[in-house]
Amino acid sequence: MTEGIIDFRGVIYYDKASDIILHEKEFAGVNYLIKRNKIDWNLTNDTLKIDNYLCYKATTTYTIENTKGKHTLEVIAWYTPEIPIPYGPDGYDGLPGLILQLDNNGILTSLKK
């Protein structure tokens, strides 16, 4: 489970050798590097064809806290091992293939050619 992932705007750095992910964020005119935890994905055997790519479903959850209390939200990613790049939209990564579609609690992001 990942906690507190809300906004991934900015630059994301990944050091493959040390397996460290840094997220560059700007606040009040100052850039900060924030170390991100790896996403704990649950890989499934569910499949979906997206633009002639066979994709597999992976899910994870994260928790947010706001004025209405604490909420656990679900993220569904459809990734394809046919493109062995462990990245995806909105800063989500760490799967054994490129994420072609991401459903972040009802907000759908799709990659196109």
PDB file of N, CA and C in Angstrom:
ATOM      1  N   MET A   1       0.846  -1.174   0.000  1.00  0.00           N
ATOM      2  CA  MET A   1       0.000   0.000   0.000  1.00  0.00           C
ATOM      3  C   MET A   1       0.888   1.232   0.000  1.00  0.00           C
ATOM      4  N   THR A   2       0.498   2.223  -0.799  1.00  0.00           N
ATOM      5  CA  THR A   2       1.188   3.502  -0.824  1.00  0.00           C
ATOM      6  C   THR A   2       0.307   4.527  -0.145  1.00  0.00           C
ATOM      7  N   GLU A   3       0.892   5.409   0.593  1.00  0.00           N
ATOM      8  CA  GLU A   3       0.097   6.383   1.344  1.00  0.00           C
ATOM      9  C   GLU A   3       0.399   7.787   0.855  1.00  0.00           C
ATOM     10  N   GLY A   4      -0.658   8.551   0.618  1.00  0.00           N
ATOM     11  CA  GLY A   4      -0.500   9.964   0.328  1.00  0.00           C
ATOM     12  C   GLY A   4      -0.171  10.316  -1.104  1.00  0.00           C
ATOM     13  N   ILE A   5      -0.361   9.423  -2.046  1.00  0.00           N
ATOM     14  CA  ILE A   5      -0.107   9.770  -3.435  1.00  0.00           C
ATOM     15  C   ILE A   5      -1.324  10.504  -3.966  1.00  0.00           C
ATOM     16  N   ILE A   6      -1.165  11.792  -4.266  1.00  0.00           N
ATOM     17  CA  ILE A   6      -2.294  12.570  -4.756  1.00  0.00           C
ATOM     18  C   ILE A   6      -1.929  13.266  -6.064  1.00  0.00           C
ATOM     19  N   ASP A   7      -0.779  13.906  -6.125  1.00  0.00           N
ATOM     20  CA  ASP A   7      -0.430  14.733  -7.268  1.00  0.00           C
ATOM     21  C   ASP A   7       0.981  14.397  -7.727  1.00  0.00           C
ATOM     22  N   PHE A   8       1.107  13.945  -8.973  1.00  0.00           N
ATOM     23  CA  PHE A   8       2.419  13.572  -9.492  1.00  0.00           C
ATOM     24  C   PHE A   8       2.944  14.561 -10.518  1.00  0.00           C
ATOM     25  N   ARG A   9       2.433  15.792 -10.528  1.00  0.00           N
ATOM     26  CA  ARG A   9       2.975  16.773 -11.457  1.00  0.00           C
ATOM     27  C   ARG A   9       4.411  17.065 -11.047  1.00  0.00           C
ATOM     28  N   GLY A  10       5.246  17.258 -12.037  1.00  0.00           N
ATOM     29  CA  GLY A  10       6.649  17.503 -11.764  1.00  0.00           C
ATOM     30  C   GLY A  10       7.498  16.442 -12.426  1.00  0.00           C
ATOM     31  N   VAL A  11       8.758  16.434 -12.099  1.00  0.00           N
ATOM     32  CA  VAL A  11       9.706  15.505 -12.700  1.00  0.00           C
ATOM     33  C   VAL A  11       9.939  14.348 -11.748  1.00  0.00           C
ATOM     34  N   ILE A  12      10.014  13.142 -12.314  1.00  0.00           N
ATOM     35  CA  ILE A  12      10.288  11.953 -11.516  1.00  0.00           C
ATOM     36  C   ILE A  12      11.617  11.371 -11.976  1.00  0.00           C
ATOM     37  N   TYR A  13      12.510  11.118 -11.032  1.00  0.00           N
ATOM     38  CA  TYR A  13      13.814  10.535 -11.313  1.00  0.00           C
ATOM     39  C   TYR A  13      13.836   9.116 -10.768  1.00  0.00           C
ATOM     40  N   TYR A  14      14.396   8.201 -11.560  1.00  0.00           N
ATOM     41  CA  TYR A  14      14.495   6.808 -11.123  1.00  0.00           C
ATOM     42  C   TYR A  14      15.924   6.348 -11.300  1.00  0.00           C
ATOM     43  N   ASP A  15      16.560   5.956 -10.209  1.00  0.00           N
ATOM     44  CA  ASP A  15      17.911   5.406 -10.243  1.00  0.00           C
ATOM     45  C   ASP A  15      17.781   3.893 -10.180  1.00  0.00           C
ATOM     46  N   LYS A  16      17.899   3.261 -11.342  1.00  0.00           N
ATOM     47  CA  LYS A  16      17.694   1.812 -11.431  1.00  0.00           C
ATOM     48  C   LYS A  16      18.716   1.040 -10.595  1.00  0.00           C
ATOM     49  N   ALA A  17      19.953   1.507 -10.569  1.00  0.00           N
ATOM     50  CA  ALA A  17      21.008   0.795  -9.838  1.00  0.00           C
ATOM     51  C   ALA A  17      20.702   0.701  -8.347  1.00  0.00           C
ATOM     52  N   SER A  18      20.195   1.784  -7.764  1.00  0.00           N
ATOM     53  CA  SER A  18      19.898   1.768  -6.327  1.00  0.00           C
ATOM     54  C   SER A  18      18.406   1.630  -6.044  1.00  0.00           C
ATOM     55  N   ASP A  19      17.582   1.548  -7.115  1.00  0.00           N
ATOM     56  CA  ASP A  19      16.131   1.360  -6.993  1.00  0.00           C
ATOM     57  C   ASP A  19      15.489   2.463  -6.151  1.00  0.00           C
ATOM     58  N   ILE A  20      15.899   3.711  -6.407  1.00  0.00           N
ATOM     59  CA  ILE A  20      15.369   4.864  -5.683  1.00  0.00           C
ATOM     60  C   ILE A  20      14.556   5.724  -6.649  1.00  0.00           C
ATOM     61  N   ILE A  21      13.389   6.174  -6.196  1.00  0.00           N
ATOM     62  CA  ILE A  21      12.535   7.057  -6.980  1.00  0.00           C
ATOM     63  C   ILE A  21      12.461   8.400  -6.261  1.00  0.00           C
ATOM     64  N   LEU A  22      12.793   9.475  -6.985  1.00  0.00           N
ATOM     65  CA  LEU A  22      12.713  10.824  -6.439  1.00  0.00           C
ATOM     66  C   LEU A  22      11.712  11.623  -7.260  1.00  0.00           C
ATOM     67  N   HIS A  23      10.878  12.398  -6.586  1.00  0.00           N
ATOM     68  CA  HIS A  23       9.869  13.224  -7.235  1.00  0.00           C
ATOM     69  C   HIS A  23      10.207  14.679  -6.956  1.00  0.00           C
ATOM     70  N   GLU A  24      10.431  15.435  -8.016  1.00  0.00           N
ATOM     71  CA  GLU A  24      10.751  16.851  -7.862  1.00  0.00           C
ATOM     72  C   GLU A  24       9.452  17.655  -7.831  1.00  0.00           C
ATOM     73  N   LYS A  25       9.260  18.404  -6.756  1.00  0.00           N
ATOM     74  CA  LYS A  25       8.064  19.230  -6.582  1.00  0.00           C
ATOM     75  C   LYS A  25       8.496  20.659  -6.296  1.00  0.00           C
ATOM     76  N   GLU A  26       7.708  21.602  -6.796  1.00  0.00           N
ATOM     77  CA  GLU A  26       7.963  23.014  -6.533  1.00  0.00           C
ATOM     78  C   GLU A  26       6.924  23.520  -5.546  1.00  0.00           C
ATOM     79  N   PHE A  27       7.395  24.224  -4.513  1.00  0.00           N
ATOM     80  CA  PHE A  27       6.499  24.824  -3.536  1.00  0.00           C
ATOM     81  C   PHE A  27       7.066  26.176  -3.145  1.00  0.00           C
ATOM     82  N   ALA A  28       6.273  27.215  -3.277  1.00  0.00           N
ATOM     83  CA  ALA A  28       6.662  28.582  -2.915  1.00  0.00           C
ATOM     84  C   ALA A  28       7.961  28.999  -3.602  1.00  0.00           C
ATOM     85  N   GLY A  29       8.112  28.592  -4.870  1.00  0.00           N
ATOM     86  CA  GLY A  29       9.275  28.980  -5.645  1.00  0.00           C
ATOM     87  C   GLY A  29      10.530  28.180  -5.372  1.00  0.00           C
ATOM     88  N   VAL A  30      10.442  27.145  -4.552  1.00  0.00           N
ATOM     89  CA  VAL A  30      11.601  26.310  -4.222  1.00  0.00           C
ATOM     90  C   VAL A  30      11.331  24.889  -4.706  1.00  0.00           C
ATOM     91  N   ASN A  31      12.330  24.280  -5.378  1.00  0.00           N
ATOM     92  CA  ASN A  31      12.209  22.892  -5.817  1.00  0.00           C
ATOM     93  C   ASN A  31      12.698  21.950  -4.724  1.00  0.00           C
ATOM     94  N   TYR A  32      11.926  20.895  -4.495  1.00  0.00           N
ATOM     95  CA  TYR A  32      12.267  19.880  -3.495  1.00  0.00           C
ATOM     96  C   TYR A  32      12.327  18.520  -4.169  1.00  0.00           C
ATOM     97  N   LEU A  33      13.221  17.662  -3.694  1.00  0.00           N
ATOM     98  CA  LEU A  33      13.257  16.267  -4.121  1.00  0.00           C
ATOM     99  C   LEU A  33      12.683  15.423  -2.998  1.00  0.00           C
ATOM    100  N   ILE A  34      11.630  14.679  -3.307  1.00  0.00           N
ATOM    101  CA  ILE A  34      10.949  13.853  -2.315  1.00  0.00           C
ATOM    102  C   ILE A  34      11.153  12.393  -2.693  1.00  0.00           C
ATOM    103  N   LYS A  35      11.681  11.613  -1.765  1.00  0.00           N
ATOM    104  CA  LYS A  35      11.882  10.186  -2.015  1.00  0.00           C
ATOM    105  C   LYS A  35      10.532   9.480  -1.943  1.00  0.00           C
ATOM    106  N   ARG A  36      10.212   8.726  -2.978  1.00  0.00           N
ATOM    107  CA  ARG A  36       8.950   8.000  -3.032  1.00  0.00           C
ATOM    108  C   ARG A  36       9.160   6.544  -2.675  1.00  0.00           C
ATOM    109  N   ASN A  37       8.167   5.996  -2.014  1.00  0.00           N
ATOM    110  CA  ASN A  37       8.179   4.566  -1.742  1.00  0.00           C
ATOM    111  C   ASN A  37       7.755   3.818  -2.994  1.00  0.00           C
ATOM    112  N   LYS A  38       8.237   2.598  -3.129  1.00  0.00           N
ATOM    113  CA  LYS A  38       7.810   1.764  -4.246  1.00  0.00           C
ATOM    114  C   LYS A  38       6.331   1.440  -4.083  1.00  0.00           C
ATOM    115  N   ILE A  39       5.647   1.333  -5.200  1.00  0.00           N
ATOM    116  CA  ILE A  39       4.224   1.012  -5.190  1.00  0.00           C
ATOM    117  C   ILE A  39       4.065  -0.491  -5.016  1.00  0.00           C
ATOM    118  N   ASP A  40       3.205  -0.874  -4.097  1.00  0.00           N
ATOM    119  CA  ASP A  40       2.944  -2.285  -3.808  1.00  0.00           C
ATOM    120  C   ASP A  40       1.787  -2.762  -4.692  1.00  0.00           C
ATOM    121  N   TRP A  41       2.116  -3.271  -5.870  1.00  0.00           N
ATOM    122  CA  TRP A  41       1.109  -3.712  -6.834  1.00  0.00           C
ATOM    123  C   TRP A  41       0.640  -5.131  -6.548  1.00  0.00           C
ATOM    124  N   ASN A  42      -0.634  -5.385  -6.793  1.00  0.00           N
ATOM    125  CA  ASN A  42      -1.205  -6.731  -6.777  1.00  0.00           C
ATOM    126  C   ASN A  42      -1.437  -7.115  -8.237  1.00  0.00           C
ATOM    127  N   LEU A  43      -0.632  -8.039  -8.759  1.00  0.00           N
ATOM    128  CA  LEU A  43      -0.745  -8.464 -10.153  1.00  0.00           C
ATOM    129  C   LEU A  43      -1.826  -9.524 -10.278  1.00  0.00           C
ATOM    130  N   THR A  44      -2.665  -9.404 -11.319  1.00  0.00           N
ATOM    131  CA  THR A  44      -3.733 -10.374 -11.550  1.00  0.00           C
ATOM    132  C   THR A  44      -3.543 -11.021 -12.919  1.00  0.00           C
ATOM    133  N   ASN A  45      -4.364 -12.016 -13.209  1.00  0.00           N
ATOM    134  CA  ASN A  45      -4.351 -12.666 -14.523  1.00  0.00           C
ATOM    135  C   ASN A  45      -5.411 -12.091 -15.452  1.00  0.00           C
ATOM    136  N   ASP A  46      -6.149 -11.065 -15.006  1.00  0.00           N
ATOM    137  CA  ASP A  46      -7.162 -10.434 -15.857  1.00  0.00           C
ATOM    138  C   ASP A  46      -6.471  -9.769 -17.043  1.00  0.00           C
ATOM    139  N   THR A  47      -7.073  -9.901 -18.234  1.00  0.00           N
ATOM    140  CA  THR A  47      -6.470  -9.328 -19.433  1.00  0.00           C
ATOM    141  C   THR A  47      -7.447  -8.401 -20.146  1.00  0.00           C
ATOM    142  N   LEU A  48      -6.868  -7.502 -20.934  1.00  0.00           N
ATOM    143  CA  LEU A  48      -7.638  -6.550 -21.732  1.00  0.00           C
ATOM    144  C   LEU A  48      -6.786  -6.194 -22.942  1.00  0.00           C
ATOM    145  N   LYS A  49      -7.391  -6.154 -24.114  1.00  0.00           N
ATOM    146  CA  LYS A  49      -6.677  -5.776 -25.333  1.00  0.00           C
ATOM    147  C   LYS A  49      -6.818  -4.258 -25.513  1.00  0.00           C
ATOM    148  N   ILE A  50      -5.673  -3.561 -25.562  1.00  0.00           N
ATOM    149  CA  ILE A  50      -5.654  -2.116 -25.783  1.00  0.00           C
ATOM    150  C   ILE A  50      -4.741  -1.847 -26.979  1.00  0.00           C
ATOM    151  N   ASP A  51      -5.315  -1.308 -28.060  1.00  0.00           N
ATOM    152  CA  ASP A  51      -4.537  -0.998 -29.273  1.00  0.00           C
ATOM    153  C   ASP A  51      -3.639  -2.157 -29.703  1.00  0.00           C
ATOM    154  N   ASN A  52      -4.186  -3.340 -29.798  1.00  0.00           N
ATOM    155  CA  ASN A  52      -3.476  -4.559 -30.226  1.00  0.00           C
ATOM    156  C   ASN A  52      -2.413  -5.038 -29.241  1.00  0.00           C
ATOM    157  N   TYR A  53      -2.381  -4.500 -28.042  1.00  0.00           N
ATOM    158  CA  TYR A  53      -1.474  -4.982 -26.999  1.00  0.00           C
ATOM    159  C   TYR A  53      -2.276  -5.768 -25.975  1.00  0.00           C
ATOM    160  N   LEU A  54      -1.770  -6.930 -25.602  1.00  0.00           N
ATOM    161  CA  LEU A  54      -2.385  -7.706 -24.534  1.00  0.00           C
ATOM    162  C   LEU A  54      -1.918  -7.112 -23.207  1.00  0.00           C
ATOM    163  N   CYS A  55      -2.864  -6.620 -22.431  1.00  0.00           N
ATOM    164  CA  CYS A  55      -2.545  -5.963 -21.164  1.00  0.00           C
ATOM    165  C   CYS A  55      -3.041  -6.794 -19.989  1.00  0.00           C
ATOM    166  N   TYR A  56      -2.349  -6.665 -18.884  1.00  0.00           N
ATOM    167  CA  TYR A  56      -2.708  -7.355 -17.647  1.00  0.00           C
ATOM    168  C   TYR A  56      -3.072  -6.323 -16.593  1.00  0.00           C
ATOM    169  N   LYS A  57      -3.963  -6.725 -15.702  1.00  0.00           N
ATOM    170  CA  LYS A  57      -4.461  -5.828 -14.660  1.00  0.00           C
ATOM    171  C   LYS A  57      -3.600  -5.918 -13.400  1.00  0.00           C
ATOM    172  N   ALA A  58      -3.305  -4.752 -12.837  1.00  0.00           N
ATOM    173  CA  ALA A  58      -2.622  -4.661 -11.546  1.00  0.00           C
ATOM    174  C   ALA A  58      -3.377  -3.624 -10.714  1.00  0.00           C
ATOM    175  N   THR A  59      -3.451  -3.857  -9.412  1.00  0.00           N
ATOM    176  CA  THR A  59      -4.162  -2.920  -8.539  1.00  0.00           C
ATOM    177  C   THR A  59      -3.292  -2.544  -7.343  1.00  0.00           C
ATOM    178  N   THR A  60      -3.572  -1.388  -6.806  1.00  0.00           N
ATOM    179  CA  THR A  60      -2.956  -0.948  -5.561  1.00  0.00           C
ATOM    180  C   THR A  60      -3.944  -0.006  -4.876  1.00  0.00           C
ATOM    181  N   THR A  61      -3.692   0.297  -3.637  1.00  0.00           N
ATOM    182  CA  THR A  61      -4.532   1.250  -2.913  1.00  0.00           C
ATOM    183  C   THR A  61      -3.643   2.289  -2.249  1.00  0.00           C
ATOM    184  N   TYR A  62      -4.228   3.426  -1.973  1.00  0.00           N
ATOM    185  CA  TYR A  62      -3.546   4.452  -1.186  1.00  0.00           C
ATOM    186  C   TYR A  62      -4.566   5.136  -0.299  1.00  0.00           C
ATOM    187  N   THR A  63      -4.081   5.750   0.749  1.00  0.00           N
ATOM    188  CA  THR A  63      -4.947   6.377   1.739  1.00  0.00           C
ATOM    189  C   THR A  63      -4.747   7.883   1.715  1.00  0.00           C
ATOM    190  N   ILE A  64      -5.873   8.608   1.732  1.00  0.00           N
ATOM    191  CA  ILE A  64      -5.813  10.059   1.866  1.00  0.00           C
ATOM    192  C   ILE A  64      -6.621  10.454   3.090  1.00  0.00           C
ATOM    193  N   GLU A  65      -6.302  11.598   3.626  1.00  0.00           N
ATOM    194  CA  GLU A  65      -7.070  12.124   4.749  1.00  0.00           C
ATOM    195  C   GLU A  65      -7.457  13.557   4.412  1.00  0.00           C
ATOM    196  N   ASN A  66      -8.754  13.844   4.534  1.00  0.00           N
ATOM    197  CA  ASN A  66      -9.242  15.193   4.285  1.00  0.00           C
ATOM    198  C   ASN A  66     -10.253  15.568   5.361  1.00  0.00           C
ATOM    199  N   THR A  67     -11.007  16.628   5.141  1.00  0.00           N
ATOM    200  CA  THR A  67     -11.957  17.092   6.157  1.00  0.00           C
ATOM    201  C   THR A  67     -13.082  16.090   6.411  1.00  0.00           C
ATOM    202  N   LYS A  68     -13.283  15.156   5.494  1.00  0.00           N
ATOM    203  CA  LYS A  68     -14.323  14.135   5.668  1.00  0.00           C
ATOM    204  C   LYS A  68     -13.779  12.847   6.280  1.00  0.00           C
ATOM    205  N   GLY A  69     -12.505  12.838   6.642  1.00  0.00           N
ATOM    206  CA  GLY A  69     -11.906  11.667   7.275  1.00  0.00           C
ATOM    207  C   GLY A  69     -10.876  10.987   6.391  1.00  0.00           C
ATOM    208  N   LYS A  70     -10.530   9.741   6.765  1.00  0.00           N
ATOM    209  CA  LYS A  70      -9.553   8.939   6.040  1.00  0.00           C
ATOM    210  C   LYS A  70     -10.271   8.079   5.015  1.00  0.00           C
ATOM    211  N   HIS A  71      -9.695   8.011   3.816  1.00  0.00           N
ATOM    212  CA  HIS A  71     -10.305   7.239   2.743  1.00  0.00           C
ATOM    213  C   HIS A  71      -9.239   6.403   2.047  1.00  0.00           C
ATOM    214  N   THR A  72      -9.566   5.150   1.760  1.00  0.00           N
ATOM    215  CA  THR A  72      -8.692   4.287   0.982  1.00  0.00           C
ATOM    216  C   THR A  72      -9.225   4.255  -0.442  1.00  0.00           C
ATOM    217  N   LEU A  73      -8.367   4.595  -1.391  1.00  0.00           N
ATOM    218  CA  LEU A  73      -8.746   4.678  -2.795  1.00  0.00           C
ATOM    219  C   LEU A  73      -8.000   3.615  -3.591  1.00  0.00           C
ATOM    220  N   GLU A  74      -8.612   3.165  -4.680  1.00  0.00           N
ATOM    221  CA  GLU A  74      -8.016   2.104  -5.492  1.00  0.00           C
ATOM    222  C   GLU A  74      -7.510   2.655  -6.818  1.00  0.00           C
ATOM    223  N   VAL A  75      -6.385   2.106  -7.254  1.00  0.00           N
ATOM    224  CA  VAL A  75      -5.816   2.409  -8.560  1.00  0.00           C
ATOM    225  C   VAL A  75      -5.761   1.100  -9.338  1.00  0.00           C
ATOM    226  N   ILE A  76      -6.257   1.138 -10.580  1.00  0.00           N
ATOM    227  CA  ILE A  76      -6.204  -0.027 -11.466  1.00  0.00           C
ATOM    228  C   ILE A  76      -5.334   0.346 -12.660  1.00  0.00           C
ATOM    229  N   ALA A  77      -4.313  -0.456 -12.910  1.00  0.00           N
ATOM    230  CA  ALA A  77      -3.416  -0.222 -14.042  1.00  0.00           C
ATOM    231  C   ALA A  77      -3.506  -1.404 -15.000  1.00  0.00           C
ATOM    232  N   TRP A  78      -3.539  -1.098 -16.290  1.00  0.00           N
ATOM    233  CA  TRP A  78      -3.464  -2.116 -17.340  1.00  0.00           C
ATOM    234  C   TRP A  78      -2.121  -1.926 -18.028  1.00  0.00           C
ATOM    235  N   TYR A  79      -1.234  -2.914 -17.892  1.00  0.00           N
ATOM    236  CA  TYR A  79       0.128  -2.814 -18.412  1.00  0.00           C
ATOM    237  C   TYR A  79       0.375  -3.928 -19.428  1.00  0.00           C
ATOM    238  N   THR A  80       1.324  -3.700 -20.319  1.00  0.00           N
ATOM    239  CA  THR A  80       1.675  -4.711 -21.306  1.00  0.00           C
ATOM    240  C   THR A  80       3.147  -5.097 -21.195  1.00  0.00           C
ATOM    241  N   PRO A  81       3.419  -6.380 -20.983  1.00  0.00           N
ATOM    242  CA  PRO A  81       4.806  -6.854 -20.981  1.00  0.00           C
ATOM    243  C   PRO A  81       5.442  -6.789 -22.372  1.00  0.00           C
ATOM    244  N   GLU A  82       4.622  -6.568 -23.415  1.00  0.00           N
ATOM    245  CA  GLU A  82       5.144  -6.457 -24.779  1.00  0.00           C
ATOM    246  C   GLU A  82       6.025  -5.217 -24.936  1.00  0.00           C
ATOM    247  N   ILE A  83       5.838  -4.226 -24.076  1.00  0.00           N
ATOM    248  CA  ILE A  83       6.710  -3.044 -24.033  1.00  0.00           C
ATOM    249  C   ILE A  83       7.339  -3.051 -22.638  1.00  0.00           C
ATOM    250  N   PRO A  84       8.521  -3.678 -22.493  1.00  0.00           N
ATOM    251  CA  PRO A  84       9.104  -3.920 -21.160  1.00  0.00           C
ATOM    252  C   PRO A  84       9.731  -2.680 -20.528  1.00  0.00           C
ATOM    253  N   ILE A  85       8.922  -1.647 -20.375  1.00  0.00           N
ATOM    254  CA  ILE A  85       9.348  -0.403 -19.730  1.00  0.00           C
ATOM    255  C   ILE A  85       8.481  -0.244 -18.482  1.00  0.00           C
ATOM    256  N   PRO A  86       9.066  -0.120 -17.284  1.00  0.00           N
ATOM    257  CA  PRO A  86       8.271  -0.146 -16.045  1.00  0.00           C
ATOM    258  C   PRO A  86       7.645   1.190 -15.652  1.00  0.00           C
ATOM    259  N   TYR A  87       7.180   1.971 -16.627  1.00  0.00           N
ATOM    260  CA  TYR A  87       6.655   3.302 -16.326  1.00  0.00           C
ATOM    261  C   TYR A  87       5.210   3.436 -16.770  1.00  0.00           C
ATOM    262  N   GLY A  88       4.581   4.550 -16.369  1.00  0.00           N
ATOM    263  CA  GLY A  88       3.207   4.809 -16.753  1.00  0.00           C
ATOM    264  C   GLY A  88       2.827   6.239 -16.460  1.00  0.00           C
ATOM    265  N   PRO A  89       1.561   6.575 -16.701  1.00  0.00           N
ATOM    266  CA  PRO A  89       1.104   7.948 -16.488  1.00  0.00           C
ATOM    267  C   PRO A  89       1.009   8.317 -15.014  1.00  0.00           C
ATOM    268  N   ASP A  90       1.026   9.607 -14.759  1.00  0.00           N
ATOM    269  CA  ASP A  90       0.800  10.175 -13.426  1.00  0.00           C
ATOM    270  C   ASP A  90       1.776   9.673 -12.371  1.00  0.00           C
ATOM    271  N   GLY A  91       2.972   9.252 -12.805  1.00  0.00           N
ATOM    272  CA  GLY A  91       3.981   8.830 -11.845  1.00  0.00           C
ATOM    273  C   GLY A  91       3.862   7.404 -11.359  1.00  0.00           C
ATOM    274  N   TYR A  92       2.935   6.654 -11.881  1.00  0.00           N
ATOM    275  CA  TYR A  92       2.798   5.252 -11.478  1.00  0.00           C
ATOM    276  C   TYR A  92       3.785   4.418 -12.268  1.00  0.00           C
ATOM    277  N   ASP A  93       4.453   3.506 -11.588  1.00  0.00           N
ATOM    278  CA  ASP A  93       5.502   2.714 -12.214  1.00  0.00           C
ATOM    279  C   ASP A  93       5.707   1.421 -11.447  1.00  0.00           C
ATOM    280  N   GLY A  94       6.721   0.658 -11.875  1.00  0.00           N
ATOM    281  CA  GLY A  94       7.106  -0.535 -11.130  1.00  0.00           C
ATOM    282  C   GLY A  94       6.454  -1.820 -11.589  1.00  0.00           C
ATOM    283  N   LEU A  95       5.771  -1.792 -12.729  1.00  0.00           N
ATOM    284  CA  LEU A  95       5.158  -3.011 -13.256  1.00  0.00           C
ATOM    285  C   LEU A  95       6.057  -3.603 -14.340  1.00  0.00           C
ATOM    286  N   PRO A  96       5.874  -4.888 -14.662  1.00  0.00           N
ATOM    287  CA  PRO A  96       6.737  -5.530 -15.669  1.00  0.00           C
ATOM    288  C   PRO A  96       6.327  -5.192 -17.101  1.00  0.00           C
ATOM    289  N   GLY A  97       6.000  -3.937 -17.341  1.00  0.00           N
ATOM    290  CA  GLY A  97       5.622  -3.473 -18.669  1.00  0.00           C
ATOM    291  C   GLY A  97       5.018  -2.088 -18.580  1.00  0.00           C
ATOM    292  N   LEU A  98       4.902  -1.435 -19.726  1.00  0.00           N
ATOM    293  CA  LEU A  98       4.374  -0.077 -19.795  1.00  0.00           C
ATOM    294  C   LEU A  98       2.889  -0.049 -19.443  1.00  0.00           C
ATOM    295  N   ILE A  99       2.488   0.894 -18.593  1.00  0.00           N
ATOM    296  CA  ILE A  99       1.076   1.069 -18.239  1.00  0.00           C
ATOM    297  C   ILE A  99       0.411   1.844 -19.371  1.00  0.00           C
ATOM    298  N   LEU A 100      -0.572   1.202 -20.039  1.00  0.00           N
ATOM    299  CA  LEU A 100      -1.280   1.846 -21.139  1.00  0.00           C
ATOM    300  C   LEU A 100      -2.557   2.527 -20.686  1.00  0.00           C
ATOM    301  N   GLN A 101      -3.119   2.059 -19.562  1.00  0.00           N
ATOM    302  CA  GLN A 101      -4.346   2.664 -19.040  1.00  0.00           C
ATOM    303  C   GLN A 101      -4.309   2.637 -17.518  1.00  0.00           C
ATOM    304  N   LEU A 102      -4.736   3.741 -16.915  1.00  0.00           N
ATOM    305  CA  LEU A 102      -4.706   3.873 -15.466  1.00  0.00           C
ATOM    306  C   LEU A 102      -6.027   4.451 -14.993  1.00  0.00           C
ATOM    307  N   ASP A 103      -6.656   3.774 -14.042  1.00  0.00           N
ATOM    308  CA  ASP A 103      -7.893   4.257 -13.422  1.00  0.00           C
ATOM    309  C   ASP A 103      -7.563   4.586 -11.973  1.00  0.00           C
ATOM    310  N   ASN A 104      -7.445   5.882 -11.683  1.00  0.00           N
ATOM    311  CA  ASN A 104      -7.108   6.341 -10.341  1.00  0.00           C
ATOM    312  C   ASN A 104      -8.387   6.824  -9.672  1.00  0.00           C
ATOM    313  N   ASN A 105      -9.074   5.893  -9.016  1.00  0.00           N
ATOM    314  CA  ASN A 105     -10.314   6.200  -8.311  1.00  0.00           C
ATOM    315  C   ASN A 105     -11.334   6.892  -9.223  1.00  0.00           C
ATOM    316  N   GLY A 106     -11.474   6.352 -10.442  1.00  0.00           N
ATOM    317  CA  GLY A 106     -12.465   6.870 -11.377  1.00  0.00           C
ATOM    318  C   GLY A 106     -11.941   7.878 -12.381  1.00  0.00           C
ATOM    319  N   ILE A 107     -10.700   8.322 -12.230  1.00  0.00           N
ATOM    320  CA  ILE A 107     -10.091   9.230 -13.206  1.00  0.00           C
ATOM    321  C   ILE A 107      -9.249   8.380 -14.147  1.00  0.00           C
ATOM    322  N   LEU A 108      -9.677   8.287 -15.408  1.00  0.00           N
ATOM    323  CA  LEU A 108      -9.058   7.397 -16.378  1.00  0.00           C
ATOM    324  C   LEU A 108      -8.018   8.146 -17.204  1.00  0.00           C
ATOM    325  N   THR A 109      -6.810   7.580 -17.275  1.00  0.00           N
ATOM    326  CA  THR A 109      -5.736   8.117 -18.102  1.00  0.00           C
ATOM    327  C   THR A 109      -5.290   7.012 -19.038  1.00  0.00           C
ATOM    328  N   SER A 110      -5.215   7.319 -20.339  1.00  0.00           N
ATOM    329  CA  SER A 110      -4.794   6.329 -21.330  1.00  0.00           C
ATOM    330  C   SER A 110      -3.643   6.885 -22.145  1.00  0.00           C
ATOM    331  N   LEU A 111      -2.692   6.016 -22.485  1.00  0.00           N
ATOM    332  CA  LEU A 111      -1.601   6.399 -23.370  1.00  0.00           C
ATOM    333  C   LEU A 111      -2.004   6.059 -24.791  1.00  0.00           C
ATOM    334  N   LYS A 112      -1.677   6.923 -25.704  1.00  0.00           N
ATOM    335  CA  LYS A 112      -1.956   6.712 -27.124  1.00  0.00           C
ATOM    336  C   LYS A 112      -0.654   6.775 -27.897  1.00  0.00           C
ATOM    337  N   LYS A 113      -0.663   6.201 -29.081  1.00  0.00           N
ATOM    338  CA  LYS A 113       0.530   6.211 -29.932  1.00  0.00           C
ATOM    339  C   LYS A 113       0.864   7.620 -30.357  1.00  0.00           C
TER     340      LYS A 113
END
